PDB file of all heavy atoms in Angstrom:
ATOM      1  N   PHE A   1       0.838  -1.227  -0.007  1.00  0.00           N
ATOM      2  CA  PHE A   1      -0.006   0.016   0.004  1.00  0.00           C
ATOM      3  C   PHE A   1       0.879   1.275  -0.015  1.00  0.00           C
ATOM      4  O   PHE A   1       1.948   1.283   0.623  1.00  0.00           O
ATOM      5  CB  PHE A   1      -0.875   0.008   1.225  1.00  0.00           C
ATOM      6  CG  PHE A   1      -1.965  -0.996   1.325  1.00  0.00           C
ATOM      7  CD1 PHE A   1      -2.036  -2.076   0.348  1.00  0.00           C
ATOM      8  CD2 PHE A   1      -2.975  -0.921   2.296  1.00  0.00           C
ATOM      9  CE1 PHE A   1      -3.039  -3.031   0.434  1.00  0.00           C
ATOM     10  CE2 PHE A   1      -3.983  -1.869   2.333  1.00  0.00           C
ATOM     11  CZ  PHE A   1      -3.952  -2.911   1.447  1.00  0.00           C
ATOM     12  N   THR A   2       0.316   2.286  -0.629  1.00  0.00           N
ATOM     13  CA  THR A   2       1.090   3.601  -0.649  1.00  0.00           C
ATOM     14  C   THR A   2       0.068   4.686  -0.330  1.00  0.00           C
ATOM     15  O   THR A   2      -0.955   4.824  -1.000  1.00  0.00           O
ATOM     16  CB  THR A   2       1.673   3.855  -1.961  1.00  0.00           C
ATOM     17  OG1 THR A   2       2.609   2.770  -2.305  1.00  0.00           O
ATOM     18  CG2 THR A   2       2.459   5.199  -1.966  1.00  0.00           C
ATOM     19  N   ILE A   3       0.377   5.478   0.688  1.00  0.00           N
ATOM     20  CA  ILE A   3      -0.433   6.615   1.047  1.00  0.00           C
ATOM     21  C   ILE A   3       0.162   7.880   0.392  1.00  0.00           C
ATOM     22  O   ILE A   3       1.383   8.022   0.338  1.00  0.00           O
ATOM     23  CB  ILE A   3      -0.614   6.790   2.562  1.00  0.00           C
ATOM     24  CG1 ILE A   3      -1.556   7.804   2.904  1.00  0.00           C
ATOM     25  CG2 ILE A   3       0.768   7.088   3.192  1.00  0.00           C
ATOM     26  CD1 ILE A   3      -1.958   7.912   4.406  1.00  0.00           C
ATOM     27  N   SER A   4      -0.692   8.794  -0.074  1.00  0.00           N
ATOM     28  CA  SER A   4      -0.200  10.026  -0.654  1.00  0.00           C
ATOM     29  C   SER A   4      -1.243  11.085  -0.477  1.00  0.00           C
ATOM     30  O   SER A   4      -2.409  10.794  -0.195  1.00  0.00           O
ATOM     31  CB  SER A   4       0.136   9.861  -2.132  1.00  0.00           C
ATOM     32  OG  SER A   4      -1.012   9.449  -2.899  1.00  0.00           O
ATOM     33  N   ARG A   5      -0.907  12.297  -0.704  1.00  0.00           N
ATOM     34  CA  ARG A   5      -1.819  13.412  -0.614  1.00  0.00           C
ATOM     35  C   ARG A   5      -1.583  14.421  -1.726  1.00  0.00           C
ATOM     36  O   ARG A   5      -0.471  14.610  -2.151  1.00  0.00           O
ATOM     37  CB  ARG A   5      -1.669  14.056   0.754  1.00  0.00           C
ATOM     38  CG  ARG A   5      -0.251  14.598   1.058  1.00  0.00           C
ATOM     39  CD  ARG A   5      -0.095  14.895   2.531  1.00  0.00           C
ATOM     40  NE  ARG A   5      -0.837  16.093   2.895  1.00  0.00           N
ATOM     41  CZ  ARG A   5      -1.097  16.432   4.137  1.00  0.00           C
ATOM     42  NH1 ARG A   5      -0.554  15.735   5.132  1.00  0.00           N
ATOM     43  NH2 ARG A   5      -1.833  17.518   4.445  1.00  0.00           N
ATOM     44  N   ASP A   6      -2.637  15.064  -2.151  1.00  0.00           N
ATOM     45  CA  ASP A   6      -2.567  16.186  -3.124  1.00  0.00           C
ATOM     46  C   ASP A   6      -3.162  17.364  -2.469  1.00  0.00           C
ATOM     47  O   ASP A   6      -4.325  17.535  -2.345  1.00  0.00           O
ATOM     48  CB  ASP A   6      -3.400  15.780  -4.385  1.00  0.00           C
ATOM     49  CG  ASP A   6      -3.196  16.814  -5.517  1.00  0.00           C
ATOM     50  OD1 ASP A   6      -3.028  18.027  -5.218  1.00  0.00           O
ATOM     51  OD2 ASP A   6      -3.276  16.428  -6.689  1.00  0.00           O
ATOM     52  N   ASN A   7      -2.248  18.232  -1.968  1.00  0.00           N
ATOM     53  CA  ASN A   7      -2.758  19.405  -1.161  1.00  0.00           C
ATOM     54  C   ASN A   7      -3.582  20.330  -2.002  1.00  0.00           C
ATOM     55  O   ASN A   7      -4.473  20.955  -1.496  1.00  0.00           O
ATOM     56  CB  ASN A   7      -1.540  20.077  -0.594  1.00  0.00           C
ATOM     57  CG  ASN A   7      -0.784  19.275   0.411  1.00  0.00           C
ATOM     58  OD1 ASN A   7      -1.370  18.409   1.065  1.00  0.00           O
ATOM     59  ND2 ASN A   7       0.517  19.533   0.490  1.00  0.00           N
ATOM     60  N   ALA A   8      -3.215  20.433  -3.303  1.00  0.00           N
ATOM     61  CA  ALA A   8      -3.976  21.353  -4.182  1.00  0.00           C
ATOM     62  C   ALA A   8      -5.404  20.880  -4.386  1.00  0.00           C
ATOM     63  O   ALA A   8      -6.320  21.728  -4.509  1.00  0.00           O
ATOM     64  CB  ALA A   8      -3.268  21.444  -5.582  1.00  0.00           C
ATOM     65  N   LYS A   9      -5.623  19.587  -4.320  1.00  0.00           N
ATOM     66  CA  LYS A   9      -6.982  19.012  -4.545  1.00  0.00           C
ATOM     67  C   LYS A   9      -7.657  18.723  -3.193  1.00  0.00           C
ATOM     68  O   LYS A   9      -8.734  18.194  -3.223  1.00  0.00           O
ATOM     69  CB  LYS A   9      -6.862  17.733  -5.445  1.00  0.00           C
ATOM     70  CG  LYS A   9      -6.424  18.007  -6.836  1.00  0.00           C
ATOM     71  CD  LYS A   9      -6.453  16.724  -7.645  1.00  0.00           C
ATOM     72  CE  LYS A   9      -6.020  16.977  -9.113  1.00  0.00           C
ATOM     73  NZ  LYS A   9      -6.044  15.735  -9.871  1.00  0.00           N
ATOM     74  N   ASN A  10      -6.925  18.875  -2.159  1.00  0.00           N
ATOM     75  CA  ASN A  10      -7.401  18.525  -0.780  1.00  0.00           C
ATOM     76  C   ASN A  10      -7.883  17.089  -0.738  1.00  0.00           C
ATOM     77  O   ASN A  10      -9.001  16.805  -0.192  1.00  0.00           O
ATOM     78  CB  ASN A  10      -8.575  19.482  -0.372  1.00  0.00           C
ATOM     79  CG  ASN A  10      -8.070  20.938  -0.196  1.00  0.00           C
ATOM     80  OD1 ASN A  10      -7.012  21.127   0.382  1.00  0.00           O
ATOM     81  ND2 ASN A  10      -8.848  21.898  -0.836  1.00  0.00           N
ATOM     82  N   THR A  11      -7.047  16.216  -1.198  1.00  0.00           N
ATOM     83  CA  THR A  11      -7.464  14.807  -1.301  1.00  0.00           C
ATOM     84  C   THR A  11      -6.311  13.940  -0.816  1.00  0.00           C
ATOM     85  O   THR A  11      -5.117  14.194  -1.112  1.00  0.00           O
ATOM     86  CB  THR A  11      -7.787  14.454  -2.755  1.00  0.00           C
ATOM     87  OG1 THR A  11      -8.903  15.304  -3.231  1.00  0.00           O
ATOM     88  CG2 THR A  11      -8.232  12.987  -2.839  1.00  0.00           C
ATOM     89  N   LEU A  12      -6.735  12.910  -0.081  1.00  0.00           N
ATOM     90  CA  LEU A  12      -5.787  11.908   0.418  1.00  0.00           C
ATOM     91  C   LEU A  12      -6.082  10.670  -0.385  1.00  0.00           C
ATOM     92  O   LEU A  12      -7.197  10.317  -0.685  1.00  0.00           O
ATOM     93  CB  LEU A  12      -6.034  11.611   1.900  1.00  0.00           C
ATOM     94  CG  LEU A  12      -5.173  10.601   2.592  1.00  0.00           C
ATOM     95  CD1 LEU A  12      -3.775  11.070   2.821  1.00  0.00           C
ATOM     96  CD2 LEU A  12      -5.789  10.232   3.918  1.00  0.00           C
ATOM     97  N   TYR A  13      -5.035   9.888  -0.654  1.00  0.00           N
ATOM     98  CA  TYR A  13      -5.180   8.638  -1.423  1.00  0.00           C
ATOM     99  C   TYR A  13      -4.515   7.464  -0.750  1.00  0.00           C
ATOM    100  O   TYR A  13      -3.668   7.602   0.161  1.00  0.00           O
ATOM    101  CB  TYR A  13      -4.490   8.768  -2.778  1.00  0.00           C
ATOM    102  CG  TYR A  13      -4.954   9.883  -3.682  1.00  0.00           C
ATOM    103  CD1 TYR A  13      -4.275  11.104  -3.774  1.00  0.00           C
ATOM    104  CD2 TYR A  13      -6.101   9.764  -4.380  1.00  0.00           C
ATOM    105  CE1 TYR A  13      -4.697  12.124  -4.519  1.00  0.00           C
ATOM    106  CE2 TYR A  13      -6.551  10.818  -5.144  1.00  0.00           C
ATOM    107  CZ  TYR A  13      -5.874  12.001  -5.235  1.00  0.00           C
ATOM    108  OH  TYR A  13      -6.331  13.023  -6.048  1.00  0.00           O
ATOM    109  N   LEU A  14      -5.035   6.278  -1.075  1.00  0.00           N
ATOM    110  CA  LEU A  14      -4.445   5.013  -0.626  1.00  0.00           C
ATOM    111  C   LEU A  14      -4.390   4.085  -1.837  1.00  0.00           C
ATOM    112  O   LEU A  14      -5.443   3.600  -2.277  1.00  0.00           O
ATOM    113  CB  LEU A  14      -5.150   4.375   0.505  1.00  0.00           C
ATOM    114  CG  LEU A  14      -4.454   3.122   1.106  1.00  0.00           C
ATOM    115  CD1 LEU A  14      -3.170   3.504   1.790  1.00  0.00           C
ATOM    116  CD2 LEU A  14      -5.367   2.405   2.099  1.00  0.00           C
ATOM    117  N   GLN A  15      -3.217   3.890  -2.382  1.00  0.00           N
ATOM    118  CA  GLN A  15      -3.073   2.910  -3.446  1.00  0.00           C
ATOM    119  C   GLN A  15      -2.809   1.534  -2.860  1.00  0.00           C
ATOM    120  O   GLN A  15      -1.838   1.350  -2.093  1.00  0.00           O
ATOM    121  CB  GLN A  15      -1.895   3.320  -4.374  1.00  0.00           C
ATOM    122  CG  GLN A  15      -1.652   2.320  -5.480  1.00  0.00           C
ATOM    123  CD  GLN A  15      -2.777   2.301  -6.477  1.00  0.00           C
ATOM    124  OE1 GLN A  15      -3.289   3.329  -6.953  1.00  0.00           O
ATOM    125  NE2 GLN A  15      -3.118   1.056  -6.950  1.00  0.00           N
ATOM    126  N   MET A  16      -3.656   0.588  -3.149  1.00  0.00           N
ATOM    127  CA  MET A  16      -3.560  -0.740  -2.642  1.00  0.00           C
ATOM    128  C   MET A  16      -3.268  -1.750  -3.732  1.00  0.00           C
ATOM    129  O   MET A  16      -4.121  -1.922  -4.598  1.00  0.00           O
ATOM    130  CB  MET A  16      -4.852  -1.045  -1.891  1.00  0.00           C
ATOM    131  CG  MET A  16      -5.307  -0.090  -0.819  1.00  0.00           C
ATOM    132  SD  MET A  16      -6.701  -0.583   0.134  1.00  0.00           S
ATOM    133  CE  MET A  16      -7.959  -0.609  -1.107  1.00  0.00           C
ATOM    134  N   ASN A  17      -2.130  -2.373  -3.678  1.00  0.00           N
ATOM    135  CA  ASN A  17      -1.699  -3.384  -4.671  1.00  0.00           C
ATOM    136  C   ASN A  17      -1.571  -4.730  -4.002  1.00  0.00           C
ATOM    137  O   ASN A  17      -1.517  -4.888  -2.718  1.00  0.00           O
ATOM    138  CB  ASN A  17      -0.421  -2.987  -5.267  1.00  0.00           C
ATOM    139  CG  ASN A  17      -0.456  -1.702  -6.055  1.00  0.00           C
ATOM    140  OD1 ASN A  17      -1.531  -1.314  -6.583  1.00  0.00           O
ATOM    141  ND2 ASN A  17       0.667  -1.010  -6.045  1.00  0.00           N
ATOM    142  N   SER A  18      -1.607  -5.726  -4.779  1.00  0.00           N
ATOM    143  CA  SER A  18      -1.432  -7.116  -4.251  1.00  0.00           C
ATOM    144  C   SER A  18      -2.419  -7.433  -3.114  1.00  0.00           C
ATOM    145  O   SER A  18      -2.044  -7.934  -2.052  1.00  0.00           O
ATOM    146  CB  SER A  18       0.017  -7.379  -3.800  1.00  0.00           C
ATOM    147  OG  SER A  18       0.887  -7.170  -4.862  1.00  0.00           O
ATOM    148  N   LEU A  19      -3.664  -7.073  -3.334  1.00  0.00           N
ATOM    149  CA  LEU A  19      -4.614  -7.245  -2.264  1.00  0.00           C
ATOM    150  C   LEU A  19      -4.869  -8.657  -1.857  1.00  0.00           C
ATOM    151  O   LEU A  19      -4.784  -9.581  -2.679  1.00  0.00           O
ATOM    152  CB  LEU A  19      -5.958  -6.558  -2.687  1.00  0.00           C
ATOM    153  CG  LEU A  19      -5.970  -5.035  -2.595  1.00  0.00           C
ATOM    154  CD1 LEU A  19      -7.066  -4.472  -3.481  1.00  0.00           C
ATOM    155  CD2 LEU A  19      -6.109  -4.605  -1.150  1.00  0.00           C
ATOM    156  N   LYS A  20      -5.173  -8.837  -0.586  1.00  0.00           N
ATOM    157  CA  LYS A  20      -5.393 -10.188  -0.050  1.00  0.00           C
ATOM    158  C   LYS A  20      -6.748 -10.275   0.592  1.00  0.00           C
ATOM    159  O   LYS A  20      -7.317  -9.177   0.991  1.00  0.00           O
ATOM    160  CB  LYS A  20      -4.310 -10.489   1.031  1.00  0.00           C
ATOM    161  CG  LYS A  20      -2.875 -10.417   0.620  1.00  0.00           C
ATOM    162  CD  LYS A  20      -1.898 -10.567   1.777  1.00  0.00           C
ATOM    163  CE  LYS A  20      -0.448 -10.455   1.298  1.00  0.00           C
ATOM    164  NZ  LYS A  20       0.453 -10.667   2.457  1.00  0.00           N
ATOM    165  N   PRO A  21      -7.337 -11.409   0.775  1.00  0.00           N
ATOM    166  CA  PRO A  21      -8.651 -11.533   1.384  1.00  0.00           C
ATOM    167  C   PRO A  21      -8.670 -10.888   2.808  1.00  0.00           C
ATOM    168  O   PRO A  21      -9.648 -10.424   3.221  1.00  0.00           O
ATOM    169  CB  PRO A  21      -8.912 -12.996   1.450  1.00  0.00           C
ATOM    170  CG  PRO A  21      -8.180 -13.593   0.248  1.00  0.00           C
ATOM    171  CD  PRO A  21      -6.898 -12.741   0.171  1.00  0.00           C
ATOM    172  N   GLU A  22      -7.531 -11.016   3.508  1.00  0.00           N
ATOM    173  CA  GLU A  22      -7.477 -10.374   4.809  1.00  0.00           C
ATOM    174  C   GLU A  22      -7.516  -8.871   4.834  1.00  0.00           C
ATOM    175  O   GLU A  22      -7.497  -8.213   5.873  1.00  0.00           O
ATOM    176  CB  GLU A  22      -6.300 -10.928   5.613  1.00  0.00           C
ATOM    177  CG  GLU A  22      -4.955 -10.829   4.890  1.00  0.00           C
ATOM    178  CD  GLU A  22      -4.586 -12.132   4.162  1.00  0.00           C
ATOM    179  OE1 GLU A  22      -5.450 -12.749   3.515  1.00  0.00           O
ATOM    180  OE2 GLU A  22      -3.397 -12.523   4.280  1.00  0.00           O
ATOM    181  N   ASP A  23      -7.410  -8.215   3.636  1.00  0.00           N
ATOM    182  CA  ASP A  23      -7.517  -6.783   3.543  1.00  0.00           C
ATOM    183  C   ASP A  23      -8.994  -6.398   3.515  1.00  0.00           C
ATOM    184  O   ASP A  23      -9.210  -5.155   3.594  1.00  0.00           O
ATOM    185  CB  ASP A  23      -6.826  -6.294   2.302  1.00  0.00           C
ATOM    186  CG  ASP A  23      -5.355  -6.480   2.343  1.00  0.00           C
ATOM    187  OD1 ASP A  23      -4.685  -6.325   3.403  1.00  0.00           O
ATOM    188  OD2 ASP A  23      -4.741  -6.894   1.241  1.00  0.00           O
ATOM    189  N   THR A  24      -9.899  -7.274   3.473  1.00  0.00           N
ATOM    190  CA  THR A  24     -11.260  -6.981   3.433  1.00  0.00           C
ATOM    191  C   THR A  24     -11.730  -6.235   4.736  1.00  0.00           C
ATOM    192  O   THR A  24     -11.456  -6.763   5.832  1.00  0.00           O
ATOM    193  CB  THR A  24     -12.141  -8.291   3.332  1.00  0.00           C
ATOM    194  OG1 THR A  24     -11.823  -8.834   2.010  1.00  0.00           O
ATOM    195  CG2 THR A  24     -13.618  -7.979   3.393  1.00  0.00           C
ATOM    196  N   ALA A  25     -12.362  -5.066   4.580  1.00  0.00           N
ATOM    197  CA  ALA A  25     -12.722  -4.272   5.671  1.00  0.00           C
ATOM    198  C   ALA A  25     -13.400  -3.016   5.159  1.00  0.00           C
ATOM    199  O   ALA A  25     -13.364  -2.745   4.017  1.00  0.00           O
ATOM    200  CB  ALA A  25     -11.516  -3.860   6.559  1.00  0.00           C
ATOM    201  N   VAL A  26     -13.942  -2.212   6.096  1.00  0.00           N
ATOM    202  CA  VAL A  26     -14.404  -0.877   5.802  1.00  0.00           C
ATOM    203  C   VAL A  26     -13.115   0.041   6.083  1.00  0.00           C
ATOM    204  O   VAL A  26     -12.576  -0.014   7.189  1.00  0.00           O
ATOM    205  CB  VAL A  26     -15.574  -0.378   6.672  1.00  0.00           C
ATOM    206  CG1 VAL A  26     -15.973   0.958   6.331  1.00  0.00           C
ATOM    207  CG2 VAL A  26     -16.758  -1.330   6.448  1.00  0.00           C
ATOM    208  N   TYR A  27     -12.833   0.850   5.066  1.00  0.00           N
ATOM    209  CA  TYR A  27     -11.673   1.700   5.181  1.00  0.00           C
ATOM    210  C   TYR A  27     -12.169   3.124   5.518  1.00  0.00           C
ATOM    211  O   TYR A  27     -13.035   3.687   4.803  1.00  0.00           O
ATOM    212  CB  TYR A  27     -10.831   1.670   3.877  1.00  0.00           C
ATOM    213  CG  TYR A  27     -10.025   0.418   3.781  1.00  0.00           C
ATOM    214  CD1 TYR A  27     -10.632  -0.798   3.618  1.00  0.00           C
ATOM    215  CD2 TYR A  27      -8.650   0.453   3.930  1.00  0.00           C
ATOM    216  CE1 TYR A  27      -9.851  -1.957   3.516  1.00  0.00           C
ATOM    217  CE2 TYR A  27      -7.882  -0.659   3.905  1.00  0.00           C
ATOM    218  CZ  TYR A  27      -8.507  -1.881   3.629  1.00  0.00           C
ATOM    219  OH  TYR A  27      -7.736  -3.025   3.558  1.00  0.00           O
ATOM    220  N   TYR A  28     -11.532   3.779   6.450  1.00  0.00           N
ATOM    221  CA  TYR A  28     -11.909   5.109   6.925  1.00  0.00           C
ATOM    222  C   TYR A  28     -10.793   6.064   6.740  1.00  0.00           C
ATOM    223  O   TYR A  28      -9.618   5.752   7.095  1.00  0.00           O
ATOM    224  CB  TYR A  28     -12.380   5.073   8.402  1.00  0.00           C
ATOM    225  CG  TYR A  28     -13.586   4.232   8.743  1.00  0.00           C
ATOM    226  CD1 TYR A  28     -13.411   2.899   9.069  1.00  0.00           C
ATOM    227  CD2 TYR A  28     -14.856   4.800   8.664  1.00  0.00           C
ATOM    228  CE1 TYR A  28     -14.594   2.157   9.387  1.00  0.00           C
ATOM    229  CE2 TYR A  28     -15.926   4.092   9.006  1.00  0.00           C
ATOM    230  CZ  TYR A  28     -15.819   2.796   9.303  1.00  0.00           C
ATOM    231  OH  TYR A  28     -16.939   2.041   9.625  1.00  0.00           O
ATOM    232  N   CYS A  29     -11.137   7.288   6.305  1.00  0.00           N
ATOM    233  CA  CYS A  29     -10.224   8.384   6.264  1.00  0.00           C
ATOM    234  C   CYS A  29     -10.189   9.129   7.547  1.00  0.00           C
ATOM    235  O   CYS A  29     -11.267   9.319   8.160  1.00  0.00           O
ATOM    236  CB  CYS A  29     -10.551   9.244   5.043  1.00  0.00           C
ATOM    237  SG  CYS A  29      -9.610  10.752   4.867  1.00  0.00           S
ATOM    238  N   ASN A  30      -9.087   9.585   8.055  1.00  0.00           N
ATOM    239  CA  ASN A  30      -8.895  10.333   9.227  1.00  0.00           C
ATOM    240  C   ASN A  30      -8.069  11.529   9.094  1.00  0.00           C
ATOM    241  O   ASN A  30      -7.007  11.479   8.372  1.00  0.00           O
ATOM    242  CB  ASN A  30      -8.316   9.408  10.323  1.00  0.00           C
ATOM    243  CG  ASN A  30      -7.943  10.130  11.548  1.00  0.00           C
ATOM    244  OD1 ASN A  30      -6.780  10.606  11.744  1.00  0.00           O
ATOM    245  ND2 ASN A  30      -8.888  10.300  12.487  1.00  0.00           N
ATOM    246  N   GLY A  31      -8.473  12.619   9.729  1.00  0.00           N
ATOM    247  CA  GLY A  31      -7.670  13.822   9.787  1.00  0.00           C
ATOM    248  C   GLY A  31      -7.507  14.303  11.144  1.00  0.00           C
ATOM    249  O   GLY A  31      -8.491  14.205  11.974  1.00  0.00           O
ATOM    250  N   GLN A  32      -6.304  14.752  11.568  1.00  0.00           N
ATOM    251  CA  GLN A  32      -6.121  15.146  12.931  1.00  0.00           C
ATOM    252  C   GLN A  32      -5.541  16.565  13.012  1.00  0.00           C
ATOM    253  O   GLN A  32      -4.625  16.901  12.346  1.00  0.00           O
ATOM    254  CB  GLN A  32      -5.063  14.170  13.620  1.00  0.00           C
ATOM    255  CG  GLN A  32      -5.505  12.771  13.743  1.00  0.00           C
ATOM    256  CD  GLN A  32      -4.465  11.908  14.309  1.00  0.00           C
ATOM    257  OE1 GLN A  32      -3.291  12.339  14.495  1.00  0.00           O
ATOM    258  NE2 GLN A  32      -4.768  10.635  14.651  1.00  0.00           N
ATOM    259  N   ASP A  33      -6.278  17.394  13.767  1.00  0.00           N
ATOM    260  CA  ASP A  33      -5.655  18.645  14.270  1.00  0.00           C
ATOM    261  C   ASP A  33      -5.775  18.625  15.733  1.00  0.00           C
ATOM    262  O   ASP A  33      -5.100  17.732  16.365  1.00  0.00           O
ATOM    263  CB  ASP A  33      -6.248  19.859  13.564  1.00  0.00           C
ATOM    264  CG  ASP A  33      -7.770  20.025  13.735  1.00  0.00           C
ATOM    265  OD1 ASP A  33      -8.348  19.355  14.584  1.00  0.00           O
ATOM    266  OD2 ASP A  33      -8.401  20.739  12.894  1.00  0.00           O
ATOM    267  N   TRP A  34      -6.583  19.371  16.388  1.00  0.00           N
ATOM    268  CA  TRP A  34      -6.782  19.297  17.850  1.00  0.00           C
ATOM    269  C   TRP A  34      -7.776  18.259  18.162  1.00  0.00           C
ATOM    270  O   TRP A  34      -8.011  17.890  19.392  1.00  0.00           O
ATOM    271  CB  TRP A  34      -7.124  20.636  18.420  1.00  0.00           C
ATOM    272  CG  TRP A  34      -8.370  21.192  17.884  1.00  0.00           C
ATOM    273  CD1 TRP A  34      -8.545  21.895  16.775  1.00  0.00           C
ATOM    274  CD2 TRP A  34      -9.712  21.083  18.466  1.00  0.00           C
ATOM    275  NE1 TRP A  34      -9.876  22.302  16.616  1.00  0.00           N
ATOM    276  CE2 TRP A  34     -10.604  21.750  17.626  1.00  0.00           C
ATOM    277  CE3 TRP A  34     -10.167  20.513  19.659  1.00  0.00           C
ATOM    278  CZ2 TRP A  34     -11.950  21.825  17.893  1.00  0.00           C
ATOM    279  CZ3 TRP A  34     -11.522  20.563  19.948  1.00  0.00           C
ATOM    280  CH2 TRP A  34     -12.416  21.224  19.032  1.00  0.00           C
TER     281      TRP A  34
END
């Protein structure tokens, strides 16, 4: 997996390769300030 961000587009990405059955889940995006 590779995480990346495009600040100009205000978008976060997660590229997931070679996926396995154990990767099955609900995926959530998180942002942290205070």
